[in-house]
Amino acid sequence: MKTRIACLAAMAVFPALPATAQAEGSITLYGVVDAGVEYLTHVPKTGTGGSNNVVRMSAGNLSTSRWGLRGSEDLGGGLKGIFTLENGFDLDTGNANQGSRLFGRQAFVGLQNQYGALTLGRHQTVLYDFSLAYDPMAIATRYSVLMHDKWMSGRADNSVKLAGKLGAVYYGLFYSTGYDSKSGGEIPGDYKAGRNWSAAVGYDAGPLSARVVYDEVRGSTVATADNRERRAGIAASYNFGRGRAFAGYRWYYGDFTSSSLRTNLYWLGAAYQVTPAITLTGAAYYTDVRNSGGDPYSFVLSGTYAFSKRTDLYAIAGYAQNRNGSALGLSGFGPSLNANATTLTATTEQVGAGQNQFGAIIGVRHRF
């Protein structure tokens, strides 16, 4: 919302801005708050080696809770100065996400015209933009394509991003000199450590939208700079009346000092607006781990009821099915497909080998 209250709040945050800049530009205060109650089976019991079912508060289920400031200034000739500062947090605890960064979701400044925007700072990668557009669950924090690959929602420090549209053609370019300032990167004399770059091109016309993307990330320290993870994806969506269908594929190759890993990830799904207030979404995901029979599936069904344009009630059900020793939980494999060079990385809630998991959430989301 663009209101006088938002502008006054922004002026309190940026007291050094001259009055002329405030008069010529605009600042928007925005955000999302999202929390619910989750039932989850086969949750590991710390220190016992066993598992049990749990009912708990869960935050950021369909959308990570966040608040942000977005501003622009008309510089004339179709050119604008822009900035975004966006904080992510857990609503149930109040803790900041993204490594406790103040503005961990996004923090950038740049220039924009009718052809696109060039920005510098901390960004979501163009792989993130790809996932957001073509995952049926819109990379929901829980129970989405992120179960199979957390890096599909990658963000990077110390980055420059160029993205926009030329008619029906979308383009995106991204480069980071050190994607995680908390663990390394931007090391003098080592141009590879912490490097992350990605590129995408797509087509949007009428009901059809399609895009291809490539992303490459290096280890963030001198010792791991030769470790390289590469991802390439292609996806499309198609509008049909009140519905939208999605299909996508992501290729992955992790090349490490002593080993390598290759996987293929496939997904299908659809969203349908049953009534002006009710929307249903369903999705299926499958990871094929090369040279292994441990290939898990996951299935998700969600429904939302919109009380208004800003507030909705939702329900989500998810099921992770493991085969031949795979260990995919509804919380995923971990922050990357392969951090230890031999197996898919575990999370604190990873199920036991070959064990399936069911989860369900009922929650409320409000946007402002």
Protein backbone atom coordinates (compact mmCIF):
# COMPACT_ATOMS: atom_id res chain seq x y z
CA MET A 1 0.00 0.00 0.00
CA LYS A 2 1.19 3.47 -0.83
CA THR A 3 0.02 5.66 1.99
CA ARG A 4 1.17 8.70 3.92
CA ILE A 5 1.79 6.44 6.91
CA ALA A 6 4.19 4.28 4.84
CA CYS A 7 6.05 7.36 3.67
CA LEU A 8 6.37 8.67 7.23
CA ALA A 9 7.72 5.28 8.35
CA ALA A 10 10.24 5.27 5.52
CA MET A 11 11.32 8.82 6.39
CA ALA A 12 12.04 7.63 9.92
CA VAL A 13 14.28 4.87 8.53
CA PHE A 14 16.02 7.21 6.07
CA PRO A 15 16.15 10.59 7.82
CA ALA A 16 19.06 11.82 5.67
CA LEU A 17 17.04 11.81 2.44
CA PRO A 18 16.46 15.35 1.16
CA ALA A 19 12.86 16.54 1.04
CA THR A 20 13.00 16.99 -2.73
CA ALA A 21 13.80 13.29 -3.25
CA GLN A 22 10.87 12.29 -1.03
CA ALA A 23 8.51 14.55 -2.95
CA GLU A 24 9.53 13.29 -6.39
CA GLY A 25 9.60 9.58 -5.57
CA SER A 26 7.45 7.00 -3.83
CA ILE A 27 8.07 4.48 -1.07
CA THR A 28 5.92 1.42 -0.43
CA LEU A 29 5.75 -0.51 2.81
CA TYR A 30 4.63 -4.10 2.13
CA GLY A 31 4.73 -7.57 3.59
CA VAL A 32 3.21 -10.99 4.28
CA VAL A 33 2.53 -12.78 7.57
CA ASP A 34 1.81 -16.52 7.42
CA ALA A 35 1.42 -19.13 10.16
CA GLY A 36 -0.45 -22.37 10.77
CA VAL A 37 -0.63 -25.68 12.63
CA GLU A 38 1.12 -28.71 11.12
CA TYR A 39 0.69 -32.45 11.63
CA LEU A 40 3.75 -34.44 10.51
CA THR A 41 4.53 -38.17 10.67
CA HIS A 42 7.87 -39.91 11.22
CA VAL A 43 9.73 -36.93 12.68
CA PRO A 44 13.13 -38.04 14.07
CA LYS A 45 13.44 -38.06 17.88
CA THR A 46 16.71 -36.38 18.84
CA GLY A 47 19.23 -38.78 20.35
CA THR A 48 17.02 -41.87 20.14
CA GLY A 49 17.32 -42.94 16.53
CA GLY A 50 13.55 -43.35 16.40
CA SER A 51 10.71 -41.20 15.11
CA ASN A 52 7.24 -40.11 16.08
CA ASN A 53 4.35 -37.99 14.89
CA VAL A 54 4.09 -34.35 15.91
CA VAL A 55 1.54 -31.51 15.99
CA ARG A 56 3.21 -28.10 16.06
CA MET A 57 3.08 -24.46 15.10
CA SER A 58 4.57 -23.83 11.66
CA ALA A 59 5.39 -20.46 10.15
CA GLY A 60 5.82 -19.36 6.56
CA ASN A 61 3.98 -22.25 4.93
CA LEU A 62 2.65 -20.89 1.63
CA SER A 63 4.70 -17.68 1.89
CA THR A 64 7.66 -16.80 4.07
CA SER A 65 6.67 -14.02 6.45
CA ARG A 66 8.36 -10.78 5.43
CA TRP A 67 8.23 -7.00 5.44
CA GLY A 68 9.94 -4.64 3.08
CA LEU A 69 10.41 -1.17 1.70
CA ARG A 70 10.33 -0.58 -2.04
CA GLY A 71 11.06 2.82 -3.55
CA SER A 72 11.43 4.56 -6.90
CA GLU A 73 12.20 8.02 -8.25
CA ASP A 74 11.39 9.28 -11.73
CA LEU A 75 14.63 10.53 -13.30
CA GLY A 76 13.04 11.56 -16.60
CA GLY A 77 13.14 10.02 -20.05
CA GLY A 78 11.56 6.80 -18.79
CA LEU A 79 14.45 6.17 -16.35
CA LYS A 80 13.86 5.47 -12.65
CA GLY A 81 16.05 5.02 -9.62
CA ILE A 82 14.84 2.04 -7.57
CA PHE A 83 15.63 0.19 -4.36
CA THR A 84 14.25 -2.74 -2.35
CA LEU A 85 14.98 -3.76 1.25
CA GLU A 86 13.19 -6.96 2.32
CA ASN A 87 13.40 -8.81 5.63
CA GLY A 88 12.30 -12.42 6.15
CA PHE A 89 11.31 -13.80 9.57
CA ASP A 90 9.55 -16.67 11.35
CA LEU A 91 6.20 -15.49 12.65
CA ASP A 92 6.05 -18.08 15.46
CA THR A 93 9.35 -16.97 17.05
CA GLY A 94 10.11 -13.56 15.57
CA ASN A 95 13.56 -14.77 14.50
CA ALA A 96 15.12 -13.39 11.31
CA ASN A 97 15.68 -15.82 8.42
CA GLN A 98 18.54 -16.00 5.91
CA GLY A 99 21.30 -16.29 8.48
CA SER A 100 19.75 -13.62 10.74
CA ARG A 101 20.35 -10.91 8.13
CA LEU A 102 18.35 -7.73 8.62
CA PHE A 103 17.38 -7.65 4.94
CA GLY A 104 18.14 -11.24 3.99
CA ARG A 105 15.52 -11.74 1.31
CA GLN A 106 16.57 -8.81 -0.89
CA ALA A 107 18.62 -5.63 -0.55
CA PHE A 108 19.50 -3.76 -3.73
CA VAL A 109 19.62 -0.43 -5.54
CA GLY A 110 19.66 0.31 -9.25
CA LEU A 111 18.15 1.83 -12.37
CA GLN A 112 15.09 0.79 -14.36
CA ASN A 113 13.53 1.69 -17.71
CA GLN A 114 11.02 0.13 -20.08
CA TYR A 115 13.49 -2.58 -21.10
CA GLY A 116 14.43 -3.85 -17.65
CA ALA A 117 16.32 -3.16 -14.43
CA LEU A 118 20.03 -3.19 -13.53
CA THR A 119 20.54 -3.56 -9.77
CA LEU A 120 23.38 -4.18 -7.29
CA GLY A 121 23.27 -5.75 -3.82
CA ARG A 122 21.76 -8.97 -2.48
CA HIS A 123 19.33 -10.62 -4.90
CA GLN A 124 17.30 -13.70 -5.57
CA THR A 125 18.94 -15.45 -8.52
CA VAL A 126 17.28 -15.84 -11.91
CA LEU A 127 16.98 -19.55 -11.00
CA TYR A 128 14.76 -18.38 -8.12
CA ASP A 129 12.72 -16.28 -10.57
CA PHE A 130 12.37 -19.35 -12.81
CA SER A 131 11.11 -21.51 -9.91
CA LEU A 132 8.69 -18.86 -8.72
CA ALA A 133 7.10 -18.64 -12.17
CA TYR A 134 6.85 -22.36 -12.98
CA ASP A 135 6.56 -24.35 -9.74
CA PRO A 136 2.81 -25.03 -9.26
CA MET A 137 3.28 -24.25 -5.53
CA ALA A 138 5.23 -21.04 -6.35
CA ILE A 139 8.16 -22.38 -4.28
CA ALA A 140 6.10 -22.32 -1.10
CA THR A 141 8.36 -22.55 1.94
CA ARG A 142 6.96 -26.00 2.72
CA TYR A 143 5.74 -28.77 0.41
CA SER A 144 6.96 -27.48 -2.96
CA VAL A 145 9.81 -28.05 -5.43
CA LEU A 146 12.11 -26.92 -2.59
CA MET A 147 11.65 -30.36 -1.01
CA HIS A 148 13.79 -31.74 -3.81
CA ASP A 149 16.27 -28.89 -4.23
CA LYS A 150 16.59 -25.95 -1.81
CA TRP A 151 18.84 -24.04 -4.23
CA MET A 152 15.88 -23.49 -6.53
CA SER A 153 15.23 -20.49 -4.26
CA GLY A 154 18.86 -19.33 -4.19
CA ARG A 155 19.89 -15.84 -3.10
CA ALA A 156 23.32 -14.26 -3.29
CA ASP A 157 25.26 -11.45 -1.63
CA ASN A 158 27.60 -9.18 -3.60
CA SER A 159 25.67 -9.52 -6.83
CA VAL A 160 24.60 -7.63 -9.94
CA LYS A 161 21.39 -8.50 -11.78
CA LEU A 162 19.95 -7.46 -15.13
CA ALA A 163 16.41 -8.61 -15.93
CA GLY A 164 13.47 -7.45 -17.98
CA LYS A 165 11.31 -8.02 -21.06
CA LEU A 166 11.66 -7.06 -24.71
CA GLY A 167 8.17 -7.54 -26.06
CA ALA A 168 7.27 -11.17 -25.44
CA VAL A 169 10.88 -12.16 -24.65
CA TYR A 170 12.04 -12.36 -21.04
CA TYR A 171 15.75 -12.20 -20.19
CA GLY A 172 17.74 -12.46 -16.97
CA LEU A 173 21.46 -12.25 -16.18
CA PHE A 174 23.00 -12.58 -12.74
CA TYR A 175 26.54 -12.64 -11.28
CA SER A 176 27.84 -12.77 -7.70
CA THR A 177 31.45 -12.31 -6.61
CA GLY A 178 30.68 -14.02 -3.29
CA TYR A 179 27.21 -15.49 -2.82
CA ASP A 180 27.47 -16.04 0.96
CA SER A 181 29.43 -13.40 2.87
CA LYS A 182 28.93 -15.38 6.10
CA SER A 183 30.92 -18.40 4.87
CA GLY A 184 33.43 -16.91 2.43
CA GLY A 185 33.68 -15.55 -1.09
CA GLU A 186 35.32 -12.40 -2.44
CA ILE A 187 38.72 -13.78 -1.47
CA PRO A 188 41.71 -11.76 -2.79
CA GLY A 189 43.60 -13.77 -5.38
CA ASP A 190 40.88 -16.40 -5.82
CA TYR A 191 38.39 -15.46 -8.51
CA LYS A 192 36.44 -18.74 -8.22
CA ALA A 193 35.57 -18.99 -4.52
CA GLY A 194 31.96 -18.09 -3.85
CA ARG A 195 31.16 -17.31 -7.49
CA ASN A 196 27.57 -17.77 -8.61
CA TRP A 197 26.15 -16.87 -11.99
CA SER A 198 22.99 -17.64 -13.86
CA ALA A 199 21.20 -16.72 -17.06
CA ALA A 200 17.69 -17.23 -18.39
CA VAL A 201 15.60 -16.50 -21.46
CA GLY A 202 11.89 -17.00 -21.91
CA TYR A 203 8.79 -16.29 -23.95
CA ASP A 204 5.42 -15.00 -22.72
CA ALA A 205 2.58 -14.51 -25.17
CA GLY A 206 -1.12 -15.12 -24.66
CA PRO A 207 -1.81 -18.16 -22.51
CA LEU A 208 1.66 -19.71 -23.02
CA SER A 209 4.77 -18.99 -20.98
CA ALA A 210 8.09 -20.87 -21.26
CA ARG A 211 11.63 -20.34 -20.00
CA VAL A 212 15.08 -21.95 -19.88
CA VAL A 213 17.68 -21.23 -17.20
CA TYR A 214 21.26 -22.13 -16.25
CA ASP A 215 22.88 -21.64 -12.83
CA GLU A 216 26.42 -22.39 -11.61
CA VAL A 217 27.82 -22.00 -8.10
CA ARG A 218 31.30 -22.61 -6.68
CA GLY A 219 32.44 -23.54 -3.18
CA SER A 220 32.74 -20.46 -1.00
CA THR A 221 36.26 -21.03 0.40
CA VAL A 222 39.74 -21.47 -1.09
CA ALA A 223 39.66 -25.18 -0.19
CA THR A 224 36.30 -25.74 -1.93
CA ALA A 225 36.58 -23.25 -4.82
CA ASP A 226 36.94 -26.06 -7.38
CA ASN A 227 33.70 -27.68 -6.22
CA ARG A 228 31.06 -26.79 -8.74
CA GLU A 229 27.29 -27.30 -8.82
CA ARG A 230 25.49 -26.77 -12.12
CA ARG A 231 21.78 -26.66 -12.79
CA ALA A 232 19.82 -26.22 -16.00
CA GLY A 233 16.07 -26.08 -16.26
CA ILE A 234 13.25 -25.78 -18.74
CA ALA A 235 9.60 -25.23 -17.87
CA ALA A 236 6.32 -24.00 -19.28
CA SER A 237 2.85 -23.03 -18.14
CA TYR A 238 -0.44 -22.64 -19.97
CA ASN A 239 -3.57 -20.75 -18.95
CA PHE A 240 -6.89 -22.44 -19.67
CA GLY A 241 -9.90 -20.46 -18.52
CA ARG A 242 -9.83 -20.37 -14.74
CA GLY A 243 -6.88 -22.76 -14.52
CA ARG A 244 -3.16 -22.94 -15.21
CA ALA A 245 -1.08 -26.05 -15.96
CA PHE A 246 2.66 -26.38 -15.23
CA ALA A 247 5.46 -28.72 -16.33
CA GLY A 248 9.17 -28.49 -15.60
CA TYR A 249 12.53 -30.24 -15.61
CA ARG A 250 15.80 -29.48 -13.80
CA TRP A 251 19.17 -31.13 -14.57
CA TYR A 252 21.81 -31.13 -11.83
CA TYR A 253 25.52 -32.03 -11.82
CA GLY A 254 27.65 -31.66 -8.71
CA ASP A 255 31.39 -32.01 -9.37
CA PHE A 256 33.43 -32.34 -6.17
CA THR A 257 37.01 -33.15 -5.25
CA SER A 258 36.45 -36.84 -4.61
CA SER A 259 33.07 -37.58 -6.15
CA SER A 260 30.22 -36.32 -8.28
CA LEU A 261 26.45 -36.54 -8.32
CA ARG A 262 23.91 -36.16 -11.10
CA THR A 263 20.14 -35.95 -10.69
CA ASN A 264 17.10 -35.14 -12.78
CA LEU A 265 14.07 -33.46 -11.25
CA TYR A 266 10.65 -33.49 -12.96
CA TRP A 267 7.37 -31.88 -11.94
CA LEU A 268 3.78 -31.47 -13.12
CA GLY A 269 0.90 -29.57 -11.60
CA ALA A 270 -2.10 -27.34 -12.03
CA ALA A 271 -4.01 -24.60 -10.23
CA TYR A 272 -7.74 -24.04 -10.67
CA GLN A 273 -9.98 -21.25 -9.40
CA VAL A 274 -13.13 -23.11 -8.40
CA THR A 275 -14.93 -19.93 -7.32
CA PRO A 276 -13.78 -16.32 -6.94
CA ALA A 277 -12.81 -17.22 -3.36
CA ILE A 278 -11.59 -20.84 -3.65
CA THR A 279 -8.43 -22.00 -5.45
CA LEU A 280 -7.09 -25.56 -5.59
CA THR A 281 -3.51 -26.51 -6.51
CA GLY A 282 -2.00 -29.94 -7.04
CA ALA A 283 1.58 -30.95 -7.88
CA ALA A 284 3.78 -34.02 -8.23
CA TYR A 285 7.61 -34.05 -8.08
CA TYR A 286 10.11 -36.80 -8.88
CA THR A 287 13.89 -36.92 -8.39
CA ASP A 288 15.89 -39.41 -10.45
CA VAL A 289 19.32 -39.95 -8.85
CA ARG A 290 21.64 -41.27 -11.54
CA ASN A 291 23.26 -44.66 -10.88
CA SER A 292 20.92 -45.25 -7.94
CA GLY A 293 17.49 -46.76 -7.38
CA GLY A 294 16.82 -44.30 -4.54
CA ASP A 295 14.45 -42.07 -6.51
CA PRO A 296 11.81 -40.36 -4.33
CA TYR A 297 8.44 -38.85 -5.25
CA SER A 298 6.39 -36.21 -3.48
CA PHE A 299 2.78 -35.15 -3.93
CA VAL A 300 1.07 -31.95 -2.75
CA LEU A 301 -2.52 -30.72 -2.70
CA SER A 302 -3.45 -27.29 -1.39
CA GLY A 303 -6.56 -25.17 -1.20
CA THR A 304 -7.07 -21.51 -0.29
CA TYR A 305 -10.19 -19.61 0.68
CA ALA A 306 -9.89 -15.84 0.17
CA PHE A 307 -11.78 -13.78 2.73
CA SER A 308 -10.51 -10.72 0.85
CA LYS A 309 -7.72 -9.75 -1.54
CA ARG A 310 -5.35 -9.61 1.42
CA THR A 311 -6.39 -12.42 3.79
CA ASP A 312 -6.87 -16.11 3.09
CA LEU A 313 -7.30 -19.39 4.94
CA TYR A 314 -5.42 -22.38 3.51
CA ALA A 315 -4.96 -26.12 3.89
CA ILE A 316 -2.03 -28.15 2.52
CA ALA A 317 -1.44 -31.91 2.42
CA GLY A 318 1.85 -33.45 1.33
CA TYR A 319 3.28 -36.95 0.99
CA ALA A 320 6.89 -37.99 0.39
CA GLN A 321 7.34 -41.50 -0.99
CA ASN A 322 10.82 -43.04 -0.80
CA ARG A 323 12.22 -46.00 -2.72
CA ASN A 324 15.29 -48.21 -2.39
CA GLY A 325 16.80 -46.36 0.55
CA SER A 326 16.09 -42.76 -0.45
CA ALA A 327 15.35 -40.41 2.45
CA LEU A 328 13.32 -37.47 1.21
CA GLY A 329 11.23 -35.77 3.88
CA LEU A 330 8.70 -33.00 3.44
CA SER A 331 11.41 -30.66 4.74
CA GLY A 332 13.64 -31.76 1.87
CA PHE A 333 17.17 -33.05 1.43
CA GLY A 334 18.90 -29.98 2.83
CA PRO A 335 20.32 -26.62 1.66
CA SER A 336 21.89 -28.23 -1.40
CA LEU A 337 21.61 -31.54 -3.17
CA ASN A 338 25.19 -32.43 -2.32
CA ALA A 339 27.25 -30.65 0.30
CA ASN A 340 29.22 -33.72 1.40
CA ALA A 341 30.04 -35.00 -2.07
CA THR A 342 28.67 -38.51 -1.65
CA THR A 343 24.98 -38.45 -0.71
CA LEU A 344 22.04 -36.11 -0.69
CA THR A 345 22.45 -33.81 2.30
CA ALA A 346 20.34 -34.59 5.37
CA THR A 347 18.25 -32.13 7.35
CA THR A 348 17.40 -32.31 11.04
CA GLU A 349 14.01 -33.72 10.06
CA GLN A 350 15.06 -36.13 7.35
CA VAL A 351 13.15 -39.38 7.56
CA GLY A 352 14.86 -42.75 7.85
CA ALA A 353 16.04 -44.52 4.70
CA GLY A 354 13.06 -45.80 2.76
CA GLN A 355 10.57 -44.26 5.21
CA ASN A 356 7.64 -42.27 3.84
CA GLN A 357 6.22 -39.10 5.39
CA PHE A 358 2.80 -37.44 5.46
CA GLY A 359 2.10 -33.88 6.52
CA ALA A 360 -0.86 -31.51 6.68
CA ILE A 361 -1.12 -27.81 7.53
CA ILE A 362 -4.02 -25.44 8.22
CA GLY A 363 -3.08 -21.78 8.37
CA VAL A 364 -3.84 -18.12 7.74
CA ARG A 365 -1.97 -15.70 5.47
CA HIS A 366 -2.32 -11.92 5.42
CA ARG A 367 -0.71 -9.52 2.96
CA PHE A 368 -0.24 -5.82 3.49
